[in-house]
Structures are given as C-alpha cells and as structure tokens.
Amino acid sequence: MDALLPIIVQIVTGVIGGQAVGAAIKQAAMGQLPKIISGAVGGVAGGQILGSLLGADPAAAGALGGMLGDAVGGVGGGAILTAIVGAVMGAMNKR
C-alpha cells in the first residue's frame, strides 16, 4: 500500500490539474475523457519527474513531505500535459 499511495495521489491531483487547464483553455474542444486521461498520465509523470529531480526518498522526507511533492508534481504534470494535448487537438480541429 505504501508504494501505491503516491501513484494514487499523483493520478487524482493530475486529473484536478488537467480539469483546471481544460476549463481555462476554451479554444481547444476537449471532451472529458481526453482531459481525464491526459491529466492522470501527466500527473504520474510529473510526480515521478519532480521526485527524481528533488532526489526525495519517501522514507526520509516523511509521509506529509512525500505526499505534498506527489501532489505538486501531479497537479503540474497534469496541467502541462493537458495543455499540450489541448493545443494539439485544437490544431487538428483547425485543419
């Protein structure tokens, strides 16, 4: 369960970040499914990248510090990937 909790936090916060960016970017016609998937994938990727950049060991950082890093990385990664997917989908719709 200890290994699964960070991934769950990253997925949930990634979806939240993706939904926020999807609502802000109105020019890209994105449905809910692309926002959810890109947010979840971006959240996991962002959380993993942030964790590797910080070199954070979950045992050393403590439970709260590790979850906070997972949440920040998840929101950021979900938002960034959703914005990229939205831009690509918007460009494809203009063709």
N, C-alpha and C. Protein backbone atom coordinates (compact mmCIF):
# COMPACT_ATOMS: atom_id res chain seq x y z
N MET A 1 0.82 -1.19 0.00
CA MET A 1 0.00 0.00 0.00
C MET A 1 0.86 1.25 0.00
N ASP A 2 2.04 1.16 0.62
CA ASP A 2 2.92 2.34 0.67
C ASP A 2 3.41 2.73 -0.72
N ALA A 3 3.57 1.78 -1.60
CA ALA A 3 4.03 2.09 -2.95
C ALA A 3 2.89 2.58 -3.84
N LEU A 4 1.67 2.22 -3.51
CA LEU A 4 0.52 2.58 -4.33
C LEU A 4 -0.03 3.97 -3.99
N LEU A 5 0.09 4.40 -2.76
CA LEU A 5 -0.46 5.68 -2.33
C LEU A 5 0.10 6.88 -3.11
N PRO A 6 1.42 6.98 -3.35
CA PRO A 6 1.91 8.11 -4.13
C PRO A 6 1.35 8.14 -5.55
N ILE A 7 1.18 7.00 -6.15
CA ILE A 7 0.64 6.95 -7.51
C ILE A 7 -0.82 7.39 -7.52
N ILE A 8 -1.59 6.98 -6.52
CA ILE A 8 -2.98 7.41 -6.43
C ILE A 8 -3.07 8.91 -6.24
N VAL A 9 -2.22 9.47 -5.38
CA VAL A 9 -2.19 10.92 -5.17
C VAL A 9 -1.83 11.63 -6.46
N GLN A 10 -0.84 11.12 -7.19
CA GLN A 10 -0.43 11.74 -8.45
C GLN A 10 -1.55 11.68 -9.49
N ILE A 11 -2.26 10.58 -9.57
CA ILE A 11 -3.36 10.45 -10.53
C ILE A 11 -4.48 11.42 -10.20
N VAL A 12 -4.90 11.45 -8.95
CA VAL A 12 -6.01 12.32 -8.55
C VAL A 12 -5.65 13.79 -8.74
N THR A 13 -4.48 14.19 -8.30
CA THR A 13 -4.10 15.60 -8.46
C THR A 13 -3.82 15.92 -9.93
N GLY A 14 -3.36 14.96 -10.69
CA GLY A 14 -3.17 15.18 -12.12
C GLY A 14 -4.48 15.43 -12.84
N VAL A 15 -5.51 14.67 -12.47
CA VAL A 15 -6.84 14.88 -13.05
C VAL A 15 -7.36 16.25 -12.66
N ILE A 16 -7.13 16.67 -11.43
CA ILE A 16 -7.56 18.00 -10.99
C ILE A 16 -6.85 19.09 -11.80
N GLY A 17 -5.54 18.95 -11.96
CA GLY A 17 -4.79 19.92 -12.76
C GLY A 17 -5.24 19.92 -14.21
N GLY A 18 -5.51 18.76 -14.75
CA GLY A 18 -5.98 18.65 -16.13
C GLY A 18 -7.35 19.28 -16.32
N GLN A 19 -8.23 19.08 -15.37
CA GLN A 19 -9.56 19.69 -15.44
C GLN A 19 -9.47 21.21 -15.36
N ALA A 20 -8.58 21.71 -14.52
CA ALA A 20 -8.43 23.16 -14.38
C ALA A 20 -7.94 23.78 -15.68
N VAL A 21 -6.94 23.18 -16.28
CA VAL A 21 -6.42 23.70 -17.55
C VAL A 21 -7.43 23.51 -18.67
N GLY A 22 -8.11 22.38 -18.68
CA GLY A 22 -9.12 22.13 -19.71
C GLY A 22 -10.25 23.14 -19.64
N ALA A 23 -10.61 23.57 -18.44
CA ALA A 23 -11.65 24.59 -18.30
C ALA A 23 -11.13 25.96 -18.72
N ALA A 24 -9.85 26.20 -18.51
CA ALA A 24 -9.28 27.50 -18.85
C ALA A 24 -9.03 27.65 -20.35
N ILE A 25 -8.73 26.55 -21.02
CA ILE A 25 -8.45 26.59 -22.46
C ILE A 25 -9.74 26.26 -23.20
N LYS A 26 -10.46 27.27 -23.56
CA LYS A 26 -11.75 27.05 -24.22
C LYS A 26 -11.60 26.84 -25.72
N GLN A 27 -10.49 27.32 -26.33
CA GLN A 27 -10.36 27.20 -27.78
C GLN A 27 -10.11 25.77 -28.22
N ALA A 28 -9.62 24.92 -27.34
CA ALA A 28 -9.43 23.51 -27.68
C ALA A 28 -10.70 22.75 -27.28
N ALA A 29 -11.33 22.17 -28.25
CA ALA A 29 -12.55 21.42 -27.98
C ALA A 29 -12.17 20.06 -27.44
N MET A 30 -12.07 19.97 -26.12
CA MET A 30 -11.69 18.71 -25.49
C MET A 30 -12.88 18.16 -24.72
N GLY A 31 -13.11 16.89 -24.88
CA GLY A 31 -14.13 16.22 -24.09
C GLY A 31 -13.56 15.86 -22.72
N GLN A 32 -14.39 15.28 -21.88
CA GLN A 32 -13.95 14.90 -20.54
C GLN A 32 -12.91 13.79 -20.56
N LEU A 33 -13.09 12.82 -21.43
CA LEU A 33 -12.17 11.68 -21.44
C LEU A 33 -10.73 12.09 -21.75
N PRO A 34 -10.47 12.92 -22.78
CA PRO A 34 -9.08 13.34 -23.01
C PRO A 34 -8.50 14.15 -21.86
N LYS A 35 -9.34 14.96 -21.20
CA LYS A 35 -8.85 15.73 -20.06
C LYS A 35 -8.49 14.82 -18.89
N ILE A 36 -9.31 13.82 -18.65
CA ILE A 36 -9.06 12.91 -17.53
C ILE A 36 -7.83 12.06 -17.80
N ILE A 37 -7.73 11.51 -19.00
CA ILE A 37 -6.59 10.64 -19.31
C ILE A 37 -5.29 11.43 -19.33
N SER A 38 -5.28 12.58 -20.01
CA SER A 38 -4.04 13.35 -20.07
C SER A 38 -3.67 13.89 -18.69
N GLY A 39 -4.66 14.24 -17.88
CA GLY A 39 -4.37 14.70 -16.52
C GLY A 39 -3.78 13.59 -15.66
N ALA A 40 -4.34 12.40 -15.75
CA ALA A 40 -3.85 11.27 -14.95
C ALA A 40 -2.44 10.86 -15.37
N VAL A 41 -2.21 10.75 -16.68
CA VAL A 41 -0.88 10.37 -17.18
C VAL A 41 0.13 11.46 -16.85
N GLY A 42 -0.24 12.70 -17.07
CA GLY A 42 0.65 13.81 -16.75
C GLY A 42 0.92 13.92 -15.27
N GLY A 43 -0.08 13.60 -14.46
CA GLY A 43 0.11 13.65 -13.01
C GLY A 43 1.13 12.64 -12.52
N VAL A 44 1.04 11.42 -13.04
CA VAL A 44 2.03 10.40 -12.65
C VAL A 44 3.42 10.78 -13.15
N ALA A 45 3.47 11.23 -14.40
CA ALA A 45 4.78 11.62 -14.95
C ALA A 45 5.36 12.81 -14.20
N GLY A 46 4.54 13.81 -13.93
CA GLY A 46 5.02 14.98 -13.20
C GLY A 46 5.48 14.65 -11.80
N GLY A 47 4.73 13.80 -11.12
CA GLY A 47 5.13 13.39 -9.77
C GLY A 47 6.44 12.61 -9.77
N GLN A 48 6.62 11.75 -10.76
CA GLN A 48 7.86 10.98 -10.85
C GLN A 48 9.04 11.88 -11.20
N ILE A 49 8.82 12.80 -12.13
CA ILE A 49 9.91 13.71 -12.52
C ILE A 49 10.31 14.61 -11.35
N LEU A 50 9.32 15.17 -10.66
CA LEU A 50 9.63 16.03 -9.52
C LEU A 50 10.35 15.25 -8.43
N GLY A 51 9.90 14.02 -8.19
CA GLY A 51 10.57 13.20 -7.18
C GLY A 51 12.01 12.89 -7.54
N SER A 52 12.27 12.64 -8.82
CA SER A 52 13.65 12.33 -9.22
C SER A 52 14.52 13.58 -9.23
N LEU A 53 13.93 14.72 -9.56
CA LEU A 53 14.71 15.97 -9.54
C LEU A 53 15.09 16.38 -8.13
N LEU A 54 14.17 16.17 -7.22
CA LEU A 54 14.45 16.53 -5.83
C LEU A 54 15.25 15.45 -5.12
N GLY A 55 15.31 14.28 -5.73
CA GLY A 55 16.03 13.18 -5.11
C GLY A 55 15.40 12.78 -3.80
N ALA A 56 14.09 12.92 -3.73
CA ALA A 56 13.38 12.69 -2.48
C ALA A 56 13.23 11.19 -2.22
N ASP A 57 13.65 10.80 -1.05
CA ASP A 57 13.39 9.45 -0.58
C ASP A 57 12.15 9.53 0.31
N PRO A 58 11.07 8.84 -0.05
CA PRO A 58 9.84 8.96 0.74
C PRO A 58 10.04 8.67 2.22
N ALA A 59 10.94 7.76 2.54
CA ALA A 59 11.18 7.45 3.95
C ALA A 59 11.87 8.60 4.66
N ALA A 60 12.77 9.28 3.96
CA ALA A 60 13.49 10.39 4.57
C ALA A 60 12.65 11.65 4.63
N ALA A 61 11.80 11.86 3.65
CA ALA A 61 11.01 13.09 3.60
C ALA A 61 9.82 13.04 4.55
N GLY A 62 9.45 11.89 4.98
CA GLY A 62 8.27 11.77 5.83
C GLY A 62 7.03 11.65 4.96
N ALA A 63 5.95 11.21 5.57
CA ALA A 63 4.73 10.96 4.81
C ALA A 63 4.15 12.24 4.23
N LEU A 64 4.10 13.31 5.02
CA LEU A 64 3.50 14.55 4.54
C LEU A 64 4.34 15.19 3.46
N GLY A 65 5.64 15.23 3.63
CA GLY A 65 6.52 15.82 2.61
C GLY A 65 6.46 15.05 1.31
N GLY A 66 6.39 13.74 1.38
CA GLY A 66 6.31 12.93 0.17
C GLY A 66 4.99 13.12 -0.54
N MET A 67 3.90 13.18 0.20
CA MET A 67 2.59 13.38 -0.42
C MET A 67 2.46 14.78 -1.00
N LEU A 68 3.05 15.75 -0.34
CA LEU A 68 3.00 17.12 -0.86
C LEU A 68 3.75 17.22 -2.18
N GLY A 69 4.90 16.58 -2.26
CA GLY A 69 5.65 16.55 -3.52
C GLY A 69 4.90 15.83 -4.61
N ASP A 70 4.24 14.73 -4.25
CA ASP A 70 3.43 13.99 -5.22
C ASP A 70 2.27 14.84 -5.72
N ALA A 71 1.65 15.59 -4.80
CA ALA A 71 0.50 16.43 -5.18
C ALA A 71 0.94 17.57 -6.08
N VAL A 72 2.02 18.23 -5.73
CA VAL A 72 2.51 19.35 -6.55
C VAL A 72 2.94 18.86 -7.93
N GLY A 73 3.68 17.78 -7.97
CA GLY A 73 4.09 17.21 -9.25
C GLY A 73 2.91 16.72 -10.06
N GLY A 74 1.92 16.16 -9.38
CA GLY A 74 0.72 15.67 -10.07
C GLY A 74 -0.08 16.79 -10.70
N VAL A 75 -0.31 17.85 -9.94
CA VAL A 75 -1.08 18.98 -10.48
C VAL A 75 -0.33 19.62 -11.64
N GLY A 76 0.97 19.84 -11.45
CA GLY A 76 1.76 20.47 -12.51
C GLY A 76 1.84 19.61 -13.76
N GLY A 77 2.13 18.34 -13.58
CA GLY A 77 2.23 17.44 -14.73
C GLY A 77 0.91 17.26 -15.45
N GLY A 78 -0.17 17.14 -14.69
CA GLY A 78 -1.50 17.01 -15.31
C GLY A 78 -1.89 18.26 -16.08
N ALA A 79 -1.57 19.41 -15.52
CA ALA A 79 -1.90 20.66 -16.20
C ALA A 79 -1.08 20.83 -17.47
N ILE A 80 0.20 20.54 -17.39
CA ILE A 80 1.08 20.72 -18.56
C ILE A 80 0.69 19.77 -19.68
N LEU A 81 0.51 18.49 -19.36
CA LEU A 81 0.18 17.54 -20.42
C LEU A 81 -1.20 17.82 -21.01
N THR A 82 -2.15 18.22 -20.19
CA THR A 82 -3.47 18.55 -20.72
C THR A 82 -3.40 19.77 -21.63
N ALA A 83 -2.59 20.75 -21.28
CA ALA A 83 -2.42 21.92 -22.14
C ALA A 83 -1.80 21.53 -23.48
N ILE A 84 -0.84 20.64 -23.46
CA ILE A 84 -0.21 20.18 -24.70
C ILE A 84 -1.22 19.41 -25.55
N VAL A 85 -1.96 18.50 -24.93
CA VAL A 85 -2.96 17.72 -25.67
C VAL A 85 -4.04 18.66 -26.22
N GLY A 86 -4.44 19.64 -25.43
CA GLY A 86 -5.43 20.60 -25.90
C GLY A 86 -4.95 21.40 -27.08
N ALA A 87 -3.68 21.81 -27.05
CA ALA A 87 -3.12 22.56 -28.18
C ALA A 87 -3.05 21.70 -29.43
N VAL A 88 -2.65 20.46 -29.27
CA VAL A 88 -2.58 19.55 -30.44
C VAL A 88 -3.97 19.29 -30.99
N MET A 89 -4.93 19.02 -30.11
CA MET A 89 -6.30 18.78 -30.57
C MET A 89 -6.90 20.02 -31.23
N GLY A 90 -6.59 21.19 -30.68
CA GLY A 90 -7.06 22.43 -31.28
C GLY A 90 -6.47 22.65 -32.66
N ALA A 91 -5.20 22.33 -32.82
CA ALA A 91 -4.56 22.47 -34.13
C ALA A 91 -5.13 21.46 -35.12
N MET A 92 -5.45 20.27 -34.66
CA MET A 92 -6.02 19.27 -35.55
C MET A 92 -7.45 19.63 -35.97
N ASN A 93 -8.18 20.29 -35.11
CA ASN A 93 -9.56 20.69 -35.43
C ASN A 93 -9.60 21.83 -36.45
N LYS A 94 -8.53 22.61 -36.54
CA LYS A 94 -8.48 23.73 -37.48
C LYS A 94 -8.17 23.28 -38.89
N ARG A 95 -7.75 22.06 -39.06
CA ARG A 95 -7.39 21.56 -40.40
C ARG A 95 -8.58 21.32 -41.23
